[in-house]
Amino acid sequence: MMKAPVGGALHRHRIPAISTLALAAMLALPMQAQAAGTRAGSIISNTASASFDTGGGAQTVDSNTVDLRVDELIDVVVDSSDPADVPTTPGATNQLLTFSVTNSGNGEEGFTLSAIANGGGDDYDPTVTQIYIDNGDGVFDAGTDTLYTPGANDPVLDPDESVTVFVLSTTPGSVVDGNRGTVSLVATSKTGTGAPGTSFAGQGEGGGDAVIGSTGGDGQDMGAYIVSAATVSLVKSAVVADPFGGSEPVPGATITYTIVATVAGSGSVSGLAITDNIPADTSYVAGSLTLGGSGLTDAADGDAGDYNGTRINVTLGTVAGGQTRTVTFRTTID
């Protein structure tokens, strides 16, 4: 409970009313956040004063001014920018991972970049070939982005400033569908690293000390590739129908060949085609070529198949994992 001052009544202070619209406008004002507070090198000044009366009237006196220079706090954050594992295929080159590097300290700082591809916990080690620094549009383009060379063009970032970094890798040809390979990007302060609180005298922005923050002066994050591969298996069978209603392979009997191509894996194959030479001592039955139960012409025309006098050929194009294609044709035994 608030008490009235001695010898007087309690005074009420009138608070001006604020309209709902004005309140909403105040709440909508942008909030400016800084990664590590006051900029390194800033001077914090403070002077005290005292007032007194010696009998000749009120007097004041000031203290000396105390100036403190704000030290630089070194912190950095690395984040993978890929929303999911990046698909790759066996033997693929220039496979792209994207990262952001943010100076979360309070002073301008340079950072050395490196990549770790053998950190373990995955199925294979990608081969990192190049690191690029983005030109600011967030889209990789080797013609406009900057090829990174350690020590020559290390990114120098202001507080809260970020840069996009692209890591390019090659996938080994020996990987199989579903294999996962990881790469970590590391950003290391050029001033130094160490346990939080480690100080580098006089090396901070503005002439103060540089002090290692909670990240230790280096940060890293991991991106991953997932192999999306496919394999093809081919199974051929034959059914014989002889002229006597049986299934004996005698002269005059008809052989129906069935070829089933099965694509397995999470990827796809392109340019798939089935070719089969007409066996010796048999003759191709004109117009008997089919794909998926639908007839194909023998001529090399607009459909997928043809017969050139010695072999049949069916072009299947791109086929995704989990799909099959079935080709049939007939011959008669001479």
C-alpha atoms as a PDB file:
ATOM      1  CA  MET A   1       0.000   0.000   0.000  1.00  0.00           C
ATOM      2  CA  MET A   2       1.294   3.447  -0.923  1.00  0.00           C
ATOM      3  CA  LYS A   3       1.333   5.912   1.967  1.00  0.00           C
ATOM      4  CA  ALA A   4       0.822   9.668   1.731  1.00  0.00           C
ATOM      5  CA  PRO A   5       3.923  11.761   2.348  1.00  0.00           C
ATOM      6  CA  VAL A   6       4.193  13.029   5.904  1.00  0.00           C
ATOM      7  CA  GLY A   7       2.272  16.259   6.309  1.00  0.00           C
ATOM      8  CA  GLY A   8       0.482  16.013   2.990  1.00  0.00           C
ATOM      9  CA  ALA A   9      -2.089  14.132   0.954  1.00  0.00           C
ATOM     10  CA  LEU A  10      -1.370  11.477  -1.646  1.00  0.00           C
ATOM     11  CA  HIS A  11      -1.101  13.060  -5.110  1.00  0.00           C
ATOM     12  CA  ARG A  12      -2.348  11.117  -8.099  1.00  0.00           C
ATOM     13  CA  HIS A  13      -0.407  11.453 -11.367  1.00  0.00           C
ATOM     14  CA  ARG A  14      -2.544  11.600 -14.482  1.00  0.00           C
ATOM     15  CA  ILE A  15      -1.444   9.178 -17.167  1.00  0.00           C
ATOM     16  CA  PRO A  16      -2.349  10.319 -20.663  1.00  0.00           C
ATOM     17  CA  ALA A  17      -4.589   7.929 -22.558  1.00  0.00           C
ATOM     18  CA  ILE A  18      -3.076   6.017 -25.511  1.00  0.00           C
ATOM     19  CA  SER A  19      -5.340   5.083 -28.380  1.00  0.00           C
ATOM     20  CA  THR A  20      -5.489   1.509 -29.602  1.00  0.00           C
ATOM     21  CA  LEU A  21      -4.143   2.653 -32.978  1.00  0.00           C
ATOM     22  CA  ALA A  22      -1.189   4.435 -31.406  1.00  0.00           C
ATOM     23  CA  LEU A  23      -0.409   1.397 -29.237  1.00  0.00           C
ATOM     24  CA  ALA A  24      -0.481  -0.867 -32.264  1.00  0.00           C
ATOM     25  CA  ALA A  25       1.877   1.460 -34.093  1.00  0.00           C
ATOM     26  CA  MET A  26       4.315   1.419 -31.187  1.00  0.00           C
ATOM     27  CA  LEU A  27       4.302  -2.387 -31.081  1.00  0.00           C
ATOM     28  CA  ALA A  28       4.924  -2.533 -34.821  1.00  0.00           C
ATOM     29  CA  LEU A  29       8.174  -0.585 -34.589  1.00  0.00           C
ATOM     30  CA  PRO A  30      11.137  -2.755 -35.663  1.00  0.00           C
ATOM     31  CA  MET A  31      13.195  -4.240 -32.880  1.00  0.00           C
ATOM     32  CA  GLN A  32      16.914  -3.878 -33.541  1.00  0.00           C
ATOM     33  CA  ALA A  33      18.893  -6.753 -32.135  1.00  0.00           C
ATOM     34  CA  GLN A  34      22.659  -6.992 -31.979  1.00  0.00           C
ATOM     35  CA  ALA A  35      24.562 -10.235 -31.736  1.00  0.00           C
ATOM     36  CA  ALA A  36      26.894  -9.240 -28.896  1.00  0.00           C
ATOM     37  CA  GLY A  37      25.756  -5.794 -27.779  1.00  0.00           C
ATOM     38  CA  THR A  38      27.806  -2.606 -27.939  1.00  0.00           C
ATOM     39  CA  ARG A  39      30.260  -2.299 -30.820  1.00  0.00           C
ATOM     40  CA  ALA A  40      33.870  -3.087 -30.001  1.00  0.00           C
ATOM     41  CA  GLY A  41      36.002   0.037 -29.561  1.00  0.00           C
ATOM     42  CA  SER A  42      33.109   2.131 -28.236  1.00  0.00           C
ATOM     43  CA  ILE A  43      33.977   4.344 -25.241  1.00  0.00           C
ATOM     44  CA  ILE A  44      31.733   4.222 -22.198  1.00  0.00           C
ATOM     45  CA  SER A  45      32.223   7.433 -20.209  1.00  0.00           C
ATOM     46  CA  ASN A  46      30.948   8.243 -16.734  1.00  0.00           C
ATOM     47  CA  THR A  47      31.350  11.341 -14.502  1.00  0.00           C
ATOM     48  CA  ALA A  48      29.887  11.663 -10.997  1.00  0.00           C
ATOM     49  CA  SER A  49      28.830  14.923  -9.370  1.00  0.00           C
ATOM     50  CA  ALA A  50      28.149  16.053  -5.816  1.00  0.00           C
ATOM     51  CA  SER A  51      26.104  18.999  -4.607  1.00  0.00           C
ATOM     52  CA  PHE A  52      26.531  20.701  -1.234  1.00  0.00           C
ATOM     53  CA  ASP A  53      26.066  23.916   0.668  1.00  0.00           C
ATOM     54  CA  THR A  54      28.769  25.377   2.929  1.00  0.00           C
ATOM     55  CA  GLY A  55      26.602  28.271   3.991  1.00  0.00           C
ATOM     56  CA  GLY A  56      27.307  30.469   1.062  1.00  0.00           C
ATOM     57  CA  GLY A  57      24.876  28.812  -1.298  1.00  0.00           C
ATOM     58  CA  ALA A  58      24.579  25.576  -3.263  1.00  0.00           C
ATOM     59  CA  GLN A  59      27.678  24.313  -4.981  1.00  0.00           C
ATOM     60  CA  THR A  60      28.524  21.292  -7.158  1.00  0.00           C
ATOM     61  CA  VAL A  61      31.690  19.455  -7.876  1.00  0.00           C
ATOM     62  CA  ASP A  62      32.413  16.833 -10.576  1.00  0.00           C
ATOM     63  CA  SER A  63      34.565  13.774 -10.270  1.00  0.00           C
ATOM     64  CA  ASN A  64      37.121  12.723 -12.815  1.00  0.00           C
ATOM     65  CA  THR A  65      35.720  11.017 -15.924  1.00  0.00           C
ATOM     66  CA  VAL A  66      36.157   7.269 -16.166  1.00  0.00           C
ATOM     67  CA  ASP A  67      36.433   5.992 -19.747  1.00  0.00           C
ATOM     68  CA  LEU A  68      36.136   2.322 -20.623  1.00  0.00           C
ATOM     69  CA  ARG A  69      36.812   0.975 -24.083  1.00  0.00           C
ATOM     70  CA  VAL A  70      34.533  -1.937 -25.038  1.00  0.00           C
ATOM     71  CA  ASP A  71      36.544  -5.052 -25.892  1.00  0.00           C
ATOM     72  CA  GLU A  72      35.817  -7.175 -28.930  1.00  0.00           C
ATOM     73  CA  LEU A  73      33.921 -10.382 -28.262  1.00  0.00           C
ATOM     74  CA  ILE A  74      34.781 -13.036 -30.854  1.00  0.00           C
ATOM     75  CA  ASP A  75      31.946 -15.361 -31.823  1.00  0.00           C
ATOM     76  CA  VAL A  76      30.865 -17.009 -35.062  1.00  0.00           C
ATOM     77  CA  VAL A  77      27.940 -19.209 -36.106  1.00  0.00           C
ATOM     78  CA  VAL A  78      27.892 -21.581 -39.095  1.00  0.00           C
ATOM     79  CA  ASP A  79      24.578 -23.013 -40.323  1.00  0.00           C
ATOM     80  CA  SER A  80      23.710 -25.411 -43.127  1.00  0.00           C
ATOM     81  CA  SER A  81      21.235 -23.745 -45.488  1.00  0.00           C
ATOM     82  CA  ASP A  82      20.037 -26.952 -47.145  1.00  0.00           C
ATOM     83  CA  PRO A  83      16.577 -27.983 -45.914  1.00  0.00           C
ATOM     84  CA  ALA A  84      17.350 -31.679 -46.439  1.00  0.00           C
ATOM     85  CA  ASP A  85      20.106 -34.026 -47.592  1.00  0.00           C
ATOM     86  CA  VAL A  86      21.245 -33.113 -51.095  1.00  0.00           C
ATOM     87  CA  PRO A  87      20.691 -35.893 -53.684  1.00  0.00           C
ATOM     88  CA  THR A  88      23.727 -37.138 -55.578  1.00  0.00           C
ATOM     89  CA  THR A  89      24.632 -40.059 -57.825  1.00  0.00           C
ATOM     90  CA  PRO A  90      27.685 -42.359 -58.045  1.00  0.00           C
ATOM     91  CA  GLY A  91      30.634 -40.522 -59.609  1.00  0.00           C
ATOM     92  CA  ALA A  92      28.849 -37.161 -59.723  1.00  0.00           C
ATOM     93  CA  THR A  93      31.012 -34.014 -59.632  1.00  0.00           C
ATOM     94  CA  ASN A  94      30.354 -30.441 -58.436  1.00  0.00           C
ATOM     95  CA  GLN A  95      27.743 -31.530 -55.924  1.00  0.00           C
ATOM     96  CA  LEU A  96      26.643 -28.445 -53.977  1.00  0.00           C
ATOM     97  CA  LEU A  97      26.184 -27.851 -50.240  1.00  0.00           C
ATOM     98  CA  THR A  98      25.196 -24.390 -48.990  1.00  0.00           C
ATOM     99  CA  PHE A  99      26.115 -22.792 -45.649  1.00  0.00           C
ATOM    100  CA  SER A 100      25.845 -19.407 -43.958  1.00  0.00           C
ATOM    101  CA  VAL A 101      28.607 -17.906 -41.809  1.00  0.00           C
ATOM    102  CA  THR A 102      27.546 -15.189 -39.363  1.00  0.00           C
ATOM    103  CA  ASN A 103      29.762 -12.950 -37.244  1.00  0.00           C
ATOM    104  CA  SER A 104      27.910 -13.092 -33.930  1.00  0.00           C
ATOM    105  CA  GLY A 105      30.566 -11.050 -32.130  1.00  0.00           C
ATOM    106  CA  ASN A 106      30.576  -7.271 -31.649  1.00  0.00           C
ATOM    107  CA  GLY A 107      33.488  -6.274 -33.879  1.00  0.00           C
ATOM    108  CA  GLU A 108      34.715  -6.630 -37.420  1.00  0.00           C
ATOM    109  CA  GLU A 109      36.398 -10.015 -37.750  1.00  0.00           C
ATOM    110  CA  GLY A 110      38.031 -12.113 -40.462  1.00  0.00           C
ATOM    111  CA  PHE A 111      37.410 -15.841 -40.693  1.00  0.00           C
ATOM    112  CA  THR A 112      39.309 -18.710 -42.280  1.00  0.00           C
ATOM    113  CA  LEU A 113      37.149 -21.378 -43.940  1.00  0.00           C
ATOM    114  CA  SER A 114      37.806 -25.098 -44.165  1.00  0.00           C
ATOM    115  CA  ALA A 115      35.851 -28.289 -44.819  1.00  0.00           C
ATOM    116  CA  ILE A 116      35.843 -31.646 -43.021  1.00  0.00           C
ATOM    117  CA  ALA A 117      34.680 -34.622 -45.099  1.00  0.00           C
ATOM    118  CA  ASN A 118      35.919 -37.502 -42.952  1.00  0.00           C
ATOM    119  CA  GLY A 119      34.139 -36.733 -39.696  1.00  0.00           C
ATOM    120  CA  GLY A 120      32.598 -40.207 -39.471  1.00  0.00           C
ATOM    121  CA  GLY A 121      29.068 -41.293 -38.747  1.00  0.00           C
ATOM    122  CA  ASP A 122      28.171 -41.642 -42.427  1.00  0.00           C
ATOM    123  CA  ASP A 123      28.554 -44.194 -45.228  1.00  0.00           C
ATOM    124  CA  TYR A 124      31.239 -42.566 -47.373  1.00  0.00           C
ATOM    125  CA  ASP A 125      33.556 -39.560 -47.541  1.00  0.00           C
ATOM    126  CA  PRO A 126      32.807 -37.016 -50.276  1.00  0.00           C
ATOM    127  CA  THR A 127      35.849 -35.418 -51.897  1.00  0.00           C
ATOM    128  CA  VAL A 128      35.670 -31.663 -51.366  1.00  0.00           C
ATOM    129  CA  THR A 129      37.023 -29.928 -54.461  1.00  0.00           C
ATOM    130  CA  GLN A 130      36.224 -26.216 -54.066  1.00  0.00           C
ATOM    131  CA  ILE A 131      34.746 -23.617 -51.738  1.00  0.00           C
ATOM    132  CA  TYR A 132      33.063 -20.503 -53.132  1.00  0.00           C
ATOM    133  CA  ILE A 133      31.956 -17.278 -51.442  1.00  0.00           C
ATOM    134  CA  ASP A 134      28.607 -16.042 -52.710  1.00  0.00           C
ATOM    135  CA  ASN A 135      28.339 -12.678 -54.460  1.00  0.00           C
ATOM    136  CA  GLY A 136      25.224 -11.832 -52.453  1.00  0.00           C
ATOM    137  CA  ASP A 137      22.413 -13.301 -54.552  1.00  0.00           C
ATOM    138  CA  GLY A 138      22.323 -16.647 -52.737  1.00  0.00           C
ATOM    139  CA  VAL A 139      22.582 -18.618 -55.999  1.00  0.00           C
ATOM    140  CA  PHE A 140      25.709 -20.539 -56.926  1.00  0.00           C
ATOM    141  CA  ASP A 141      27.390 -19.389 -60.127  1.00  0.00           C
ATOM    142  CA  ALA A 142      31.059 -20.213 -60.627  1.00  0.00           C
ATOM    143  CA  GLY A 143      31.301 -17.297 -63.054  1.00  0.00           C
ATOM    144  CA  THR A 144      30.220 -14.621 -60.570  1.00  0.00           C
ATOM    145  CA  ASP A 145      30.930 -16.101 -57.140  1.00  0.00           C
ATOM    146  CA  THR A 146      34.434 -15.988 -55.672  1.00  0.00           C
ATOM    147  CA  LEU A 147      36.592 -19.101 -55.520  1.00  0.00           C
ATOM    148  CA  TYR A 148      37.902 -19.204 -51.960  1.00  0.00           C
ATOM    149  CA  THR A 149      41.638 -19.344 -51.328  1.00  0.00           C
ATOM    150  CA  PRO A 150      42.602 -19.571 -47.625  1.00  0.00           C
ATOM    151  CA  GLY A 151      44.638 -16.565 -46.535  1.00  0.00           C
ATOM    152  CA  ALA A 152      43.978 -14.656 -49.746  1.00  0.00           C
ATOM    153  CA  ASN A 153      40.283 -13.778 -49.604  1.00  0.00           C
ATOM    154  CA  ASP A 154      39.082 -14.796 -46.147  1.00  0.00           C
ATOM    155  CA  PRO A 155      35.670 -13.211 -45.490  1.00  0.00           C
ATOM    156  CA  VAL A 156      35.768 -10.172 -43.185  1.00  0.00           C
ATOM    157  CA  LEU A 157      32.401  -9.581 -41.527  1.00  0.00           C
ATOM    158  CA  ASP A 158      30.881  -6.785 -39.473  1.00  0.00           C
ATOM    159  CA  PRO A 159      28.861  -7.687 -36.372  1.00  0.00           C
ATOM    160  CA  ASP A 160      25.681  -9.570 -37.375  1.00  0.00           C
ATOM    161  CA  GLU A 161      26.860  -9.750 -40.995  1.00  0.00           C
ATOM    162  CA  SER A 162      26.469 -13.081 -42.794  1.00  0.00           C
ATOM    163  CA  VAL A 163      27.949 -14.545 -45.949  1.00  0.00           C
ATOM    164  CA  THR A 164      26.760 -17.542 -47.968  1.00  0.00           C
ATOM    165  CA  VAL A 165      29.391 -20.191 -48.653  1.00  0.00           C
ATOM    166  CA  PHE A 166      29.140 -22.973 -51.231  1.00  0.00           C
ATOM    167  CA  VAL A 167      31.022 -26.266 -50.848  1.00  0.00           C
ATOM    168  CA  LEU A 168      31.468 -28.436 -53.958  1.00  0.00           C
ATOM    169  CA  SER A 169      32.264 -32.136 -53.747  1.00  0.00           C
ATOM    170  CA  THR A 170      32.701 -35.249 -55.860  1.00  0.00           C
ATOM    171  CA  THR A 171      30.821 -38.440 -55.020  1.00  0.00           C
ATOM    172  CA  PRO A 172      32.859 -41.676 -55.312  1.00  0.00           C
ATOM    173  CA  GLY A 173      31.755 -44.038 -58.051  1.00  0.00           C
ATOM    174  CA  SER A 174      31.645 -46.938 -55.588  1.00  0.00           C
ATOM    175  CA  VAL A 175      28.702 -45.662 -53.543  1.00  0.00           C
ATOM    176  CA  VAL A 176      25.328 -47.376 -53.699  1.00  0.00           C
ATOM    177  CA  ASP A 177      21.747 -46.233 -53.403  1.00  0.00           C
ATOM    178  CA  GLY A 178      20.904 -44.780 -49.996  1.00  0.00           C
ATOM    179  CA  ASN A 179      24.501 -44.104 -48.930  1.00  0.00           C
ATOM    180  CA  ARG A 180      24.942 -40.855 -47.002  1.00  0.00           C
ATOM    181  CA  GLY A 181      28.065 -38.688 -46.976  1.00  0.00           C
ATOM    182  CA  THR A 182      28.619 -35.617 -44.810  1.00  0.00           C
ATOM    183  CA  VAL A 183      30.742 -32.476 -45.045  1.00  0.00           C
ATOM    184  CA  SER A 184      31.198 -29.895 -42.289  1.00  0.00           C
ATOM    185  CA  LEU A 185      32.113 -26.278 -42.974  1.00  0.00           C
ATOM    186  CA  VAL A 186      34.326 -24.680 -40.325  1.00  0.00           C
ATOM    187  CA  ALA A 187      34.809 -20.916 -39.858  1.00  0.00           C
ATOM    188  CA  THR A 188      37.721 -19.936 -37.594  1.00  0.00           C
ATOM    189  CA  SER A 189      38.477 -16.450 -36.269  1.00  0.00           C
ATOM    190  CA  LYS A 190      41.754 -15.108 -37.649  1.00  0.00           C
ATOM    191  CA  THR A 191      42.414 -13.325 -34.350  1.00  0.00           C
ATOM    192  CA  GLY A 192      42.385 -16.553 -32.413  1.00  0.00           C
ATOM    193  CA  THR A 193      40.381 -19.296 -30.761  1.00  0.00           C
ATOM    194  CA  GLY A 194      40.264 -20.856 -27.341  1.00  0.00           C
ATOM    195  CA  ALA A 195      38.179 -21.395 -24.256  1.00  0.00           C
ATOM    196  CA  PRO A 196      35.512 -18.742 -23.624  1.00  0.00           C
ATOM    197  CA  GLY A 197      37.127 -15.815 -21.834  1.00  0.00           C
ATOM    198  CA  THR A 198      40.526 -16.245 -23.459  1.00  0.00           C
ATOM    199  CA  SER A 199      41.906 -12.750 -24.114  1.00  0.00           C
ATOM    200  CA  PHE A 200      44.181 -11.428 -26.844  1.00  0.00           C
ATOM    201  CA  ALA A 201      45.619  -8.148 -25.568  1.00  0.00           C
ATOM    202  CA  GLY A 202      45.238  -5.167 -27.869  1.00  0.00           C
ATOM    203  CA  GLN A 203      43.948  -7.222 -30.794  1.00  0.00           C
ATOM    204  CA  GLY A 204      40.315  -6.187 -30.627  1.00  0.00           C
ATOM    205  CA  GLU A 205      38.647  -3.706 -32.962  1.00  0.00           C
ATOM    206  CA  GLY A 206      39.321  -0.151 -31.805  1.00  0.00           C
ATOM    207  CA  GLY A 207      42.461  -1.057 -29.879  1.00  0.00           C
ATOM    208  CA  GLY A 208      40.921  -2.971 -26.990  1.00  0.00           C
ATOM    209  CA  ASP A 209      41.398  -6.593 -26.174  1.00  0.00           C
ATOM    210  CA  ALA A 210      39.802  -9.418 -28.146  1.00  0.00           C
ATOM    211  CA  VAL A 211      37.967 -11.884 -25.924  1.00  0.00           C
ATOM    212  CA  ILE A 212      36.790 -15.321 -27.028  1.00  0.00           C
ATOM    213  CA  GLY A 213      33.031 -15.781 -26.653  1.00  0.00           C
ATOM    214  CA  SER A 214      30.865 -18.821 -26.094  1.00  0.00           C
ATOM    215  CA  THR A 215      31.556 -20.366 -29.516  1.00  0.00           C
ATOM    216  CA  GLY A 216      35.286 -20.574 -28.863  1.00  0.00           C
ATOM    217  CA  GLY A 217      36.028 -18.360 -31.843  1.00  0.00           C
ATOM    218  CA  ASP A 218      35.189 -21.052 -34.363  1.00  0.00           C
ATOM    219  CA  GLY A 219      31.932 -22.551 -35.534  1.00  0.00           C
ATOM    220  CA  GLN A 220      30.899 -25.401 -37.769  1.00  0.00           C
ATOM    221  CA  ASP A 221      27.833 -27.130 -39.124  1.00  0.00           C
ATOM    222  CA  MET A 222      27.292 -30.233 -41.207  1.00  0.00           C
ATOM    223  CA  GLY A 223      25.591 -30.758 -44.557  1.00  0.00           C
ATOM    224  CA  ALA A 224      24.898 -34.127 -46.152  1.00  0.00           C
ATOM    225  CA  TYR A 225      24.570 -35.834 -49.511  1.00  0.00           C
ATOM    226  CA  ILE A 226      22.249 -38.785 -50.080  1.00  0.00           C
ATOM    227  CA  VAL A 227      22.976 -41.151 -52.941  1.00  0.00           C
ATOM    228  CA  SER A 228      20.034 -41.614 -55.259  1.00  0.00           C
ATOM    229  CA  ALA A 229      21.096 -44.436 -57.542  1.00  0.00           C
ATOM    230  CA  ALA A 230      19.419 -47.103 -59.632  1.00  0.00           C
ATOM    231  CA  THR A 231      20.317 -50.531 -60.966  1.00  0.00           C
ATOM    232  CA  VAL A 232      18.848 -52.466 -63.889  1.00  0.00           C
ATOM    233  CA  SER A 233      18.156 -56.193 -63.978  1.00  0.00           C
ATOM    234  CA  LEU A 234      17.073 -58.035 -67.104  1.00  0.00           C
ATOM    235  CA  VAL A 235      15.217 -61.360 -67.134  1.00  0.00           C
ATOM    236  CA  LYS A 236      14.419 -63.225 -70.347  1.00  0.00           C
ATOM    237  CA  SER A 237      12.075 -66.189 -70.724  1.00  0.00           C
ATOM    238  CA  ALA A 238      10.695 -68.204 -73.629  1.00  0.00           C
ATOM    239  CA  VAL A 239       7.471 -70.096 -74.251  1.00  0.00           C
ATOM    240  CA  VAL A 240       7.257 -72.631 -77.130  1.00  0.00           C
ATOM    241  CA  ALA A 241       4.113 -73.546 -79.024  1.00  0.00           C
ATOM    242  CA  ASP A 242       4.561 -76.389 -81.545  1.00  0.00           C
ATOM    243  CA  PRO A 243       2.330 -77.063 -84.568  1.00  0.00           C
ATOM    244  CA  PHE A 244       0.694 -80.013 -82.800  1.00  0.00           C
ATOM    245  CA  GLY A 245      -0.685 -78.102 -79.847  1.00  0.00           C
ATOM    246  CA  GLY A 246       2.224 -78.963 -77.603  1.00  0.00           C
ATOM    247  CA  SER A 247       5.329 -77.169 -76.397  1.00  0.00           C
ATOM    248  CA  GLU A 248       8.114 -79.063 -78.136  1.00  0.00           C
ATOM    249  CA  PRO A 249      10.838 -76.960 -79.881  1.00  0.00           C
ATOM    250  CA  VAL A 250      10.497 -78.633 -83.272  1.00  0.00           C
ATOM    251  CA  PRO A 251      10.808 -77.019 -86.727  1.00  0.00           C
ATOM    252  CA  GLY A 252       7.769 -74.848 -87.323  1.00  0.00           C
ATOM    253  CA  ALA A 253       7.247 -74.176 -83.606  1.00  0.00           C
ATOM    254  CA  THR A 254       6.764 -70.586 -82.433  1.00  0.00           C
ATOM    255  CA  ILE A 255       8.894 -69.175 -79.636  1.00  0.00           C
ATOM    256  CA  THR A 256       7.532 -66.178 -77.690  1.00  0.00           C
ATOM    257  CA  TYR A 257      10.358 -64.355 -75.932  1.00  0.00           C
ATOM    258  CA  THR A 258       9.577 -62.119 -72.957  1.00  0.00           C
ATOM    259  CA  ILE A 259      12.198 -59.664 -71.640  1.00  0.00           C
ATOM    260  CA  VAL A 260      11.517 -57.844 -68.344  1.00  0.00           C
ATOM    261  CA  ALA A 261      13.704 -54.873 -67.369  1.00  0.00           C
ATOM    262  CA  THR A 262      13.438 -53.909 -63.682  1.00  0.00           C
ATOM    263  CA  VAL A 263      14.895 -50.686 -62.315  1.00  0.00           C
ATOM    264  CA  ALA A 264      15.644 -50.741 -58.573  1.00  0.00           C
ATOM    265  CA  GLY A 265      16.751 -47.964 -56.217  1.00  0.00           C
ATOM    266  CA  SER A 266      15.652 -44.447 -55.387  1.00  0.00           C
ATOM    267  CA  GLY A 267      17.166 -42.888 -58.523  1.00  0.00           C
ATOM    268  CA  SER A 268      16.488 -43.368 -62.195  1.00  0.00           C
ATOM    269  CA  VAL A 269      18.308 -44.494 -65.322  1.00  0.00           C
ATOM    270  CA  SER A 270      18.298 -42.681 -68.631  1.00  0.00           C
ATOM    271  CA  GLY A 271      18.749 -43.920 -72.177  1.00  0.00           C
ATOM    272  CA  LEU A 272      17.557 -47.415 -71.281  1.00  0.00           C
ATOM    273  CA  ALA A 273      17.128 -49.623 -74.349  1.00  0.00           C
ATOM    274  CA  ILE A 274      16.624 -53.356 -74.908  1.00  0.00           C
ATOM    275  CA  THR A 275      18.289 -55.039 -77.862  1.00  0.00           C
ATOM    276  CA  ASP A 276      18.045 -58.740 -78.759  1.00  0.00           C
ATOM    277  CA  ASN A 277      19.532 -60.544 -81.749  1.00  0.00           C
ATOM    278  CA  ILE A 278      17.237 -62.997 -83.506  1.00  0.00           C
ATOM    279  CA  PRO A 279      18.597 -66.470 -82.664  1.00  0.00           C
ATOM    280  CA  ALA A 280      20.213 -68.544 -85.383  1.00  0.00           C
ATOM    281  CA  ASP A 281      17.978 -71.148 -87.028  1.00  0.00           C
ATOM    282  CA  THR A 282      14.885 -69.053 -86.292  1.00  0.00           C
ATOM    283  CA  SER A 283      13.021 -66.392 -88.212  1.00  0.00           C
ATOM    284  CA  TYR A 284      11.456 -63.264 -86.755  1.00  0.00           C
ATOM    285  CA  VAL A 285       7.661 -63.098 -86.907  1.00  0.00           C
ATOM    286  CA  ALA A 286       6.846 -59.787 -88.559  1.00  0.00           C
ATOM    287  CA  GLY A 287       4.793 -57.388 -86.435  1.00  0.00           C
ATOM    288  CA  SER A 288       5.204 -59.402 -83.228  1.00  0.00           C
ATOM    289  CA  LEU A 289       7.142 -56.804 -81.225  1.00  0.00           C
ATOM    290  CA  THR A 290       5.344 -55.354 -78.176  1.00  0.00           C
ATOM    291  CA  LEU A 291       6.100 -53.048 -75.246  1.00  0.00           C
ATOM    292  CA  GLY A 292       3.949 -53.348 -72.157  1.00  0.00           C
ATOM    293  CA  GLY A 293       1.433 -55.355 -74.156  1.00  0.00           C
ATOM    294  CA  SER A 294       1.062 -52.715 -76.888  1.00  0.00           C
ATOM    295  CA  GLY A 295       2.185 -53.490 -80.409  1.00  0.00           C
ATOM    296  CA  LEU A 296       5.158 -51.746 -82.007  1.00  0.00           C
ATOM    297  CA  THR A 297       5.931 -51.396 -85.685  1.00  0.00           C
ATOM    298  CA  ASP A 298       8.968 -53.067 -87.168  1.00  0.00           C
ATOM    299  CA  ALA A 299      10.028 -49.882 -88.957  1.00  0.00           C
ATOM    300  CA  ALA A 300      12.327 -47.291 -87.340  1.00  0.00           C
ATOM    301  CA  ASP A 301       9.620 -44.659 -86.997  1.00  0.00           C
ATOM    302  CA  GLY A 302       7.831 -42.725 -84.277  1.00  0.00           C
ATOM    303  CA  ASP A 303       7.306 -45.546 -81.780  1.00  0.00           C
ATOM    304  CA  ALA A 304       9.856 -47.068 -79.424  1.00  0.00           C
ATOM    305  CA  GLY A 305      10.705 -50.257 -81.344  1.00  0.00           C
ATOM    306  CA  ASP A 306      12.158 -51.497 -84.611  1.00  0.00           C
ATOM    307  CA  TYR A 307      13.442 -54.636 -86.344  1.00  0.00           C
ATOM    308  CA  ASN A 308      16.346 -54.184 -88.757  1.00  0.00           C
ATOM    309  CA  GLY A 309      16.549 -57.695 -90.164  1.00  0.00           C
ATOM    310  CA  THR A 310      18.860 -59.170 -87.536  1.00  0.00           C
ATOM    311  CA  ARG A 311      17.732 -57.821 -84.179  1.00  0.00           C
ATOM    312  CA  ILE A 312      14.891 -56.110 -82.335  1.00  0.00           C
ATOM    313  CA  ASN A 313      15.447 -52.853 -80.418  1.00  0.00           C
ATOM    314  CA  VAL A 314      13.142 -51.052 -77.993  1.00  0.00           C
ATOM    315  CA  THR A 315      14.040 -47.630 -76.600  1.00  0.00           C
ATOM    316  CA  LEU A 316      12.714 -47.120 -73.069  1.00  0.00           C
ATOM    317  CA  GLY A 317      14.244 -43.716 -72.243  1.00  0.00           C
ATOM    318  CA  THR A 318      14.317 -42.625 -68.588  1.00  0.00           C
ATOM    319  CA  VAL A 319      12.937 -45.114 -66.100  1.00  0.00           C
ATOM    320  CA  ALA A 320      12.668 -44.459 -62.356  1.00  0.00           C
ATOM    321  CA  GLY A 321      13.522 -46.924 -59.627  1.00  0.00           C
ATOM    322  CA  GLY A 322      10.698 -49.303 -58.770  1.00  0.00           C
ATOM    323  CA  GLN A 323       9.422 -49.518 -62.357  1.00  0.00           C
ATOM    324  CA  THR A 324       9.516 -52.343 -64.889  1.00  0.00           C
ATOM    325  CA  ARG A 325       9.287 -52.497 -68.671  1.00  0.00           C
ATOM    326  CA  THR A 326       8.243 -55.663 -70.547  1.00  0.00           C
ATOM    327  CA  VAL A 327       9.138 -56.407 -74.176  1.00  0.00           C
ATOM    328  CA  THR A 328       7.957 -59.423 -76.188  1.00  0.00           C
ATOM    329  CA  PHE A 329       8.525 -60.755 -79.711  1.00  0.00           C
ATOM    330  CA  ARG A 330       8.133 -64.046 -81.568  1.00  0.00           C
ATOM    331  CA  THR A 331      10.249 -66.222 -83.830  1.00  0.00           C
ATOM    332  CA  THR A 332       9.662 -69.533 -85.565  1.00  0.00           C
ATOM    333  CA  ILE A 333      12.095 -72.435 -85.650  1.00  0.00           C
ATOM    334  CA  ASP A 334      13.375 -73.009 -89.186  1.00  0.00           C
END
